[in-house]
Amino acid sequence: DGVFRVLSTHGDTRLGGDDIDALIAARIATALAAQGADAQTEDPFVRQALRRAAENLKIELSARAQATLHLDLGAHGSHSFAMSRGELDDLARPLVERSLASVRAALSDAELSPEDIDHVLLVGGSTRMPVVRQSLQDLMGQAPRADVDPDLAVALGAAIQADILA
């Protein structure tokens, strides 16, 4: 009847999409070094370019099975790096498993099982990644709802919390 009661909450406050981006950026830097390109990872410009490129690659691989990154590092040259969704999934899987541990803990704290859950809602940009959606579906036994914008959900939740605190 439109009333929601929180039975439990759980999360890993030290885990987010930036962590996946950092893994991708490290993979790019390693690949560039293997190609003989000096990635100059101590250079703040290069580090920021790698982070931005890694995030863009993650977003592209959420919609496509393969992506090629063309990276312009200014004075450090231009380079290409290809990655498949499977490679991204393998890279992200340990972090996804950490997030699933929070889901399991929240269910346990609420004394619920996946079968007790009517709907699974995803919040946050990284929930657009197929590996996140599939892993959660495997755990919960149902596909997460796709009719809720994960970024809007975060923004609305933050606004509601800010209003409560005000």
C-alpha atoms as a PDB file:
ATOM      1  CA  ASP A   1       0.000   0.000   0.000  1.00  0.00           C
ATOM      2  CA  GLY A   2       2.860   2.393  -0.744  1.00  0.00           C
ATOM      3  CA  VAL A   3       4.512   1.914   2.659  1.00  0.00           C
ATOM      4  CA  PHE A   4       8.036   0.579   2.737  1.00  0.00           C
ATOM      5  CA  ARG A   5       9.823  -0.686   5.817  1.00  0.00           C
ATOM      6  CA  VAL A   6      13.586  -1.160   5.825  1.00  0.00           C
ATOM      7  CA  LEU A   7      14.414  -4.639   7.106  1.00  0.00           C
ATOM      8  CA  SER A   8      18.187  -4.360   6.706  1.00  0.00           C
ATOM      9  CA  THR A   9      20.861  -2.393   4.948  1.00  0.00           C
ATOM     10  CA  HIS A  10      24.352  -3.384   3.993  1.00  0.00           C
ATOM     11  CA  GLY A  11      27.012  -2.084   1.659  1.00  0.00           C
ATOM     12  CA  ASP A  12      30.693  -1.784   0.984  1.00  0.00           C
ATOM     13  CA  THR A  13      31.443   1.925   1.237  1.00  0.00           C
ATOM     14  CA  ARG A  14      34.898   1.323  -0.189  1.00  0.00           C
ATOM     15  CA  LEU A  15      33.600  -0.156  -3.436  1.00  0.00           C
ATOM     16  CA  GLY A  16      32.285   1.568  -6.524  1.00  0.00           C
ATOM     17  CA  GLY A  17      32.568   2.079 -10.239  1.00  0.00           C
ATOM     18  CA  ASP A  18      35.826   3.980  -9.796  1.00  0.00           C
ATOM     19  CA  ASP A  19      37.402   0.753  -8.556  1.00  0.00           C
ATOM     20  CA  ILE A  20      36.525  -0.974 -11.821  1.00  0.00           C
ATOM     21  CA  ASP A  21      37.826   2.037 -13.738  1.00  0.00           C
ATOM     22  CA  ALA A  22      41.119   1.808 -11.830  1.00  0.00           C
ATOM     23  CA  LEU A  23      41.510  -1.873 -12.770  1.00  0.00           C
ATOM     24  CA  ILE A  24      40.876  -1.065 -16.430  1.00  0.00           C
ATOM     25  CA  ALA A  25      43.303   1.878 -16.315  1.00  0.00           C
ATOM     26  CA  ALA A  26      45.980  -0.375 -14.827  1.00  0.00           C
ATOM     27  CA  ARG A  27      45.345  -2.954 -17.566  1.00  0.00           C
ATOM     28  CA  ILE A  28      45.678  -0.220 -20.218  1.00  0.00           C
ATOM     29  CA  ALA A  29      48.923   1.067 -18.674  1.00  0.00           C
ATOM     30  CA  THR A  30      50.339  -2.481 -18.581  1.00  0.00           C
ATOM     31  CA  ALA A  31      49.367  -3.075 -22.208  1.00  0.00           C
ATOM     32  CA  LEU A  32      50.933   0.218 -23.277  1.00  0.00           C
ATOM     33  CA  ALA A  33      54.143  -0.656 -21.461  1.00  0.00           C
ATOM     34  CA  ALA A  34      54.187  -4.098 -23.131  1.00  0.00           C
ATOM     35  CA  GLN A  35      53.861  -2.350 -26.501  1.00  0.00           C
ATOM     36  CA  GLY A  36      56.913  -0.294 -25.646  1.00  0.00           C
ATOM     37  CA  ALA A  37      54.904   2.844 -25.005  1.00  0.00           C
ATOM     38  CA  ASP A  38      55.928   4.746 -21.909  1.00  0.00           C
ATOM     39  CA  ALA A  39      52.600   5.360 -20.205  1.00  0.00           C
ATOM     40  CA  GLN A  40      54.153   7.932 -17.846  1.00  0.00           C
ATOM     41  CA  THR A  41      51.694   6.940 -15.122  1.00  0.00           C
ATOM     42  CA  GLU A  42      53.296   9.421 -12.725  1.00  0.00           C
ATOM     43  CA  ASP A  43      52.175  12.282 -14.988  1.00  0.00           C
ATOM     44  CA  PRO A  44      48.824  13.623 -13.670  1.00  0.00           C
ATOM     45  CA  PHE A  45      47.654  14.337 -17.233  1.00  0.00           C
ATOM     46  CA  VAL A  46      48.313  10.739 -18.261  1.00  0.00           C
ATOM     47  CA  ARG A  47      46.732   9.306 -15.085  1.00  0.00           C
ATOM     48  CA  GLN A  48      43.577  11.370 -15.660  1.00  0.00           C
ATOM     49  CA  ALA A  49      43.490  10.435 -19.352  1.00  0.00           C
ATOM     50  CA  LEU A  50      43.770   6.746 -18.410  1.00  0.00           C
ATOM     51  CA  ARG A  51      40.969   7.039 -15.823  1.00  0.00           C
ATOM     52  CA  ARG A  52      38.685   8.836 -18.273  1.00  0.00           C
ATOM     53  CA  ALA A  53      39.480   6.351 -21.037  1.00  0.00           C
ATOM     54  CA  ALA A  54      38.899   3.421 -18.678  1.00  0.00           C
ATOM     55  CA  GLU A  55      35.469   4.716 -17.672  1.00  0.00           C
ATOM     56  CA  ASN A  56      34.509   5.274 -21.316  1.00  0.00           C
ATOM     57  CA  LEU A  57      35.691   1.770 -22.190  1.00  0.00           C
ATOM     58  CA  LYS A  58      33.604   0.304 -19.326  1.00  0.00           C
ATOM     59  CA  ILE A  59      30.538   2.172 -20.558  1.00  0.00           C
ATOM     60  CA  GLU A  60      31.079   1.085 -24.157  1.00  0.00           C
ATOM     61  CA  LEU A  61      31.608  -2.554 -23.147  1.00  0.00           C
ATOM     62  CA  SER A  62      28.324  -2.470 -21.237  1.00  0.00           C
ATOM     63  CA  ALA A  63      26.608  -2.078 -24.604  1.00  0.00           C
ATOM     64  CA  ARG A  64      28.996  -3.899 -26.953  1.00  0.00           C
ATOM     65  CA  ALA A  65      30.973  -7.153 -26.895  1.00  0.00           C
ATOM     66  CA  GLN A  66      34.227  -5.548 -28.070  1.00  0.00           C
ATOM     67  CA  ALA A  67      35.659  -2.046 -27.942  1.00  0.00           C
ATOM     68  CA  THR A  68      38.825  -0.360 -29.123  1.00  0.00           C
ATOM     69  CA  LEU A  69      40.137   2.621 -27.275  1.00  0.00           C
ATOM     70  CA  HIS A  70      42.120   5.284 -29.101  1.00  0.00           C
ATOM     71  CA  LEU A  71      44.080   7.117 -26.454  1.00  0.00           C
ATOM     72  CA  ASP A  72      45.702  10.482 -27.162  1.00  0.00           C
ATOM     73  CA  LEU A  73      48.268  11.215 -24.468  1.00  0.00           C
ATOM     74  CA  GLY A  74      49.394  14.487 -25.968  1.00  0.00           C
ATOM     75  CA  ALA A  75      53.186  14.679 -25.882  1.00  0.00           C
ATOM     76  CA  HIS A  76      53.247  10.994 -24.882  1.00  0.00           C
ATOM     77  CA  GLY A  77      51.724   9.926 -28.217  1.00  0.00           C
ATOM     78  CA  SER A  78      48.588   8.200 -29.422  1.00  0.00           C
ATOM     79  CA  HIS A  79      47.882   4.558 -28.688  1.00  0.00           C
ATOM     80  CA  SER A  80      45.161   1.959 -29.229  1.00  0.00           C
ATOM     81  CA  PHE A  81      43.913  -0.637 -26.789  1.00  0.00           C
ATOM     82  CA  ALA A  82      41.253  -3.278 -27.438  1.00  0.00           C
ATOM     83  CA  MET A  83      39.232  -5.109 -24.815  1.00  0.00           C
ATOM     84  CA  SER A  84      36.344  -7.540 -24.919  1.00  0.00           C
ATOM     85  CA  ARG A  85      33.390  -7.658 -22.582  1.00  0.00           C
ATOM     86  CA  GLY A  86      34.627 -11.068 -21.420  1.00  0.00           C
ATOM     87  CA  GLU A  87      37.955  -9.541 -20.400  1.00  0.00           C
ATOM     88  CA  LEU A  88      36.146  -6.764 -18.550  1.00  0.00           C
ATOM     89  CA  ASP A  89      33.895  -9.309 -16.823  1.00  0.00           C
ATOM     90  CA  ASP A  90      36.923 -11.313 -15.675  1.00  0.00           C
ATOM     91  CA  LEU A  91      38.596  -8.152 -14.412  1.00  0.00           C
ATOM     92  CA  ALA A  92      35.496  -6.926 -12.565  1.00  0.00           C
ATOM     93  CA  ARG A  93      34.290 -10.267 -11.187  1.00  0.00           C
ATOM     94  CA  PRO A  94      36.143 -10.065  -7.817  1.00  0.00           C
ATOM     95  CA  LEU A  95      34.613  -6.628  -7.208  1.00  0.00           C
ATOM     96  CA  VAL A  96      31.173  -7.829  -8.286  1.00  0.00           C
ATOM     97  CA  GLU A  97      31.515 -10.710  -5.839  1.00  0.00           C
ATOM     98  CA  ARG A  98      32.284  -8.200  -3.068  1.00  0.00           C
ATOM     99  CA  SER A  99      29.028  -6.416  -3.849  1.00  0.00           C
ATOM    100  CA  LEU A 100      27.123  -9.714  -3.865  1.00  0.00           C
ATOM    101  CA  ALA A 101      28.522 -10.432  -0.397  1.00  0.00           C
ATOM    102  CA  SER A 102      26.703  -7.282   0.751  1.00  0.00           C
ATOM    103  CA  VAL A 103      23.480  -8.541  -0.826  1.00  0.00           C
ATOM    104  CA  ARG A 104      23.861 -11.868   0.974  1.00  0.00           C
ATOM    105  CA  ALA A 105      24.559 -10.085   4.274  1.00  0.00           C
ATOM    106  CA  ALA A 106      21.503  -7.831   3.887  1.00  0.00           C
ATOM    107  CA  LEU A 107      19.316 -10.859   3.158  1.00  0.00           C
ATOM    108  CA  SER A 108      20.735 -12.710   6.157  1.00  0.00           C
ATOM    109  CA  ASP A 109      20.284  -9.718   8.487  1.00  0.00           C
ATOM    110  CA  ALA A 110      16.644  -9.442   7.379  1.00  0.00           C
ATOM    111  CA  GLU A 111      16.215 -13.220   7.752  1.00  0.00           C
ATOM    112  CA  LEU A 112      15.098 -13.450   4.120  1.00  0.00           C
ATOM    113  CA  SER A 113      16.063 -15.650   1.206  1.00  0.00           C
ATOM    114  CA  PRO A 114      16.185 -14.636  -2.463  1.00  0.00           C
ATOM    115  CA  GLU A 115      12.807 -16.339  -2.969  1.00  0.00           C
ATOM    116  CA  ASP A 116      11.232 -13.858  -0.504  1.00  0.00           C
ATOM    117  CA  ILE A 117      12.124 -10.881  -2.697  1.00  0.00           C
ATOM    118  CA  ASP A 118       9.468  -9.580  -5.114  1.00  0.00           C
ATOM    119  CA  HIS A 119      11.622  -7.176  -7.144  1.00  0.00           C
ATOM    120  CA  VAL A 120      15.304  -6.420  -7.527  1.00  0.00           C
ATOM    121  CA  LEU A 121      16.117  -2.756  -8.188  1.00  0.00           C
ATOM    122  CA  LEU A 122      19.571  -1.637  -9.235  1.00  0.00           C
ATOM    123  CA  VAL A 123      21.103   1.713  -8.321  1.00  0.00           C
ATOM    124  CA  GLY A 124      24.375   3.251  -9.455  1.00  0.00           C
ATOM    125  CA  GLY A 125      25.989   3.481 -12.858  1.00  0.00           C
ATOM    126  CA  SER A 126      27.972   0.241 -12.680  1.00  0.00           C
ATOM    127  CA  THR A 127      24.738  -1.727 -12.453  1.00  0.00           C
ATOM    128  CA  ARG A 128      24.484  -1.180 -16.213  1.00  0.00           C
ATOM    129  CA  MET A 129      27.313  -3.681 -16.653  1.00  0.00           C
ATOM    130  CA  PRO A 130      25.999  -7.026 -17.891  1.00  0.00           C
ATOM    131  CA  VAL A 131      28.253  -8.946 -15.467  1.00  0.00           C
ATOM    132  CA  VAL A 132      26.654  -7.111 -12.531  1.00  0.00           C
ATOM    133  CA  ARG A 133      23.114  -7.720 -13.759  1.00  0.00           C
ATOM    134  CA  GLN A 134      23.761 -11.384 -14.589  1.00  0.00           C
ATOM    135  CA  SER A 135      25.543 -12.090 -11.309  1.00  0.00           C
ATOM    136  CA  LEU A 136      22.694 -10.569  -9.344  1.00  0.00           C
ATOM    137  CA  GLN A 137      20.146 -12.475 -11.412  1.00  0.00           C
ATOM    138  CA  ASP A 138      22.014 -15.706 -10.704  1.00  0.00           C
ATOM    139  CA  LEU A 139      22.012 -14.972  -6.972  1.00  0.00           C
ATOM    140  CA  MET A 140      18.421 -13.777  -6.703  1.00  0.00           C
ATOM    141  CA  GLY A 141      16.791 -16.130  -9.209  1.00  0.00           C
ATOM    142  CA  GLN A 142      15.132 -13.253 -11.061  1.00  0.00           C
ATOM    143  CA  ALA A 143      16.155 -10.557 -13.493  1.00  0.00           C
ATOM    144  CA  PRO A 144      16.620  -7.109 -11.981  1.00  0.00           C
ATOM    145  CA  ARG A 145      14.009  -4.576 -13.047  1.00  0.00           C
ATOM    146  CA  ALA A 146      15.153  -2.491 -15.990  1.00  0.00           C
ATOM    147  CA  ASP A 147      12.513   0.235 -15.708  1.00  0.00           C
ATOM    148  CA  VAL A 148      14.340   2.228 -13.029  1.00  0.00           C
ATOM    149  CA  ASP A 149      17.154   4.605 -14.040  1.00  0.00           C
ATOM    150  CA  PRO A 150      20.066   3.606 -11.746  1.00  0.00           C
ATOM    151  CA  ASP A 151      21.528   7.130 -11.698  1.00  0.00           C
ATOM    152  CA  LEU A 152      18.178   8.763 -10.995  1.00  0.00           C
ATOM    153  CA  ALA A 153      17.602   6.313  -8.135  1.00  0.00           C
ATOM    154  CA  VAL A 154      20.888   7.407  -6.529  1.00  0.00           C
ATOM    155  CA  ALA A 155      20.071  11.100  -7.002  1.00  0.00           C
ATOM    156  CA  LEU A 156      16.566  10.749  -5.578  1.00  0.00           C
ATOM    157  CA  GLY A 157      17.857   8.748  -2.617  1.00  0.00           C
ATOM    158  CA  ALA A 158      20.480  11.396  -1.904  1.00  0.00           C
ATOM    159  CA  ALA A 159      17.863  14.163  -2.134  1.00  0.00           C
ATOM    160  CA  ILE A 160      15.511  12.358   0.249  1.00  0.00           C
ATOM    161  CA  GLN A 161      18.341  11.737   2.718  1.00  0.00           C
ATOM    162  CA  ALA A 162      19.426  15.389   2.502  1.00  0.00           C
ATOM    163  CA  ASP A 163      15.859  16.487   3.231  1.00  0.00           C
ATOM    164  CA  ILE A 164      15.694  14.166   6.248  1.00  0.00           C
ATOM    165  CA  LEU A 165      18.969  15.548   7.571  1.00  0.00           C
ATOM    166  CA  ALA A 166      17.842  19.143   6.987  1.00  0.00           C
END
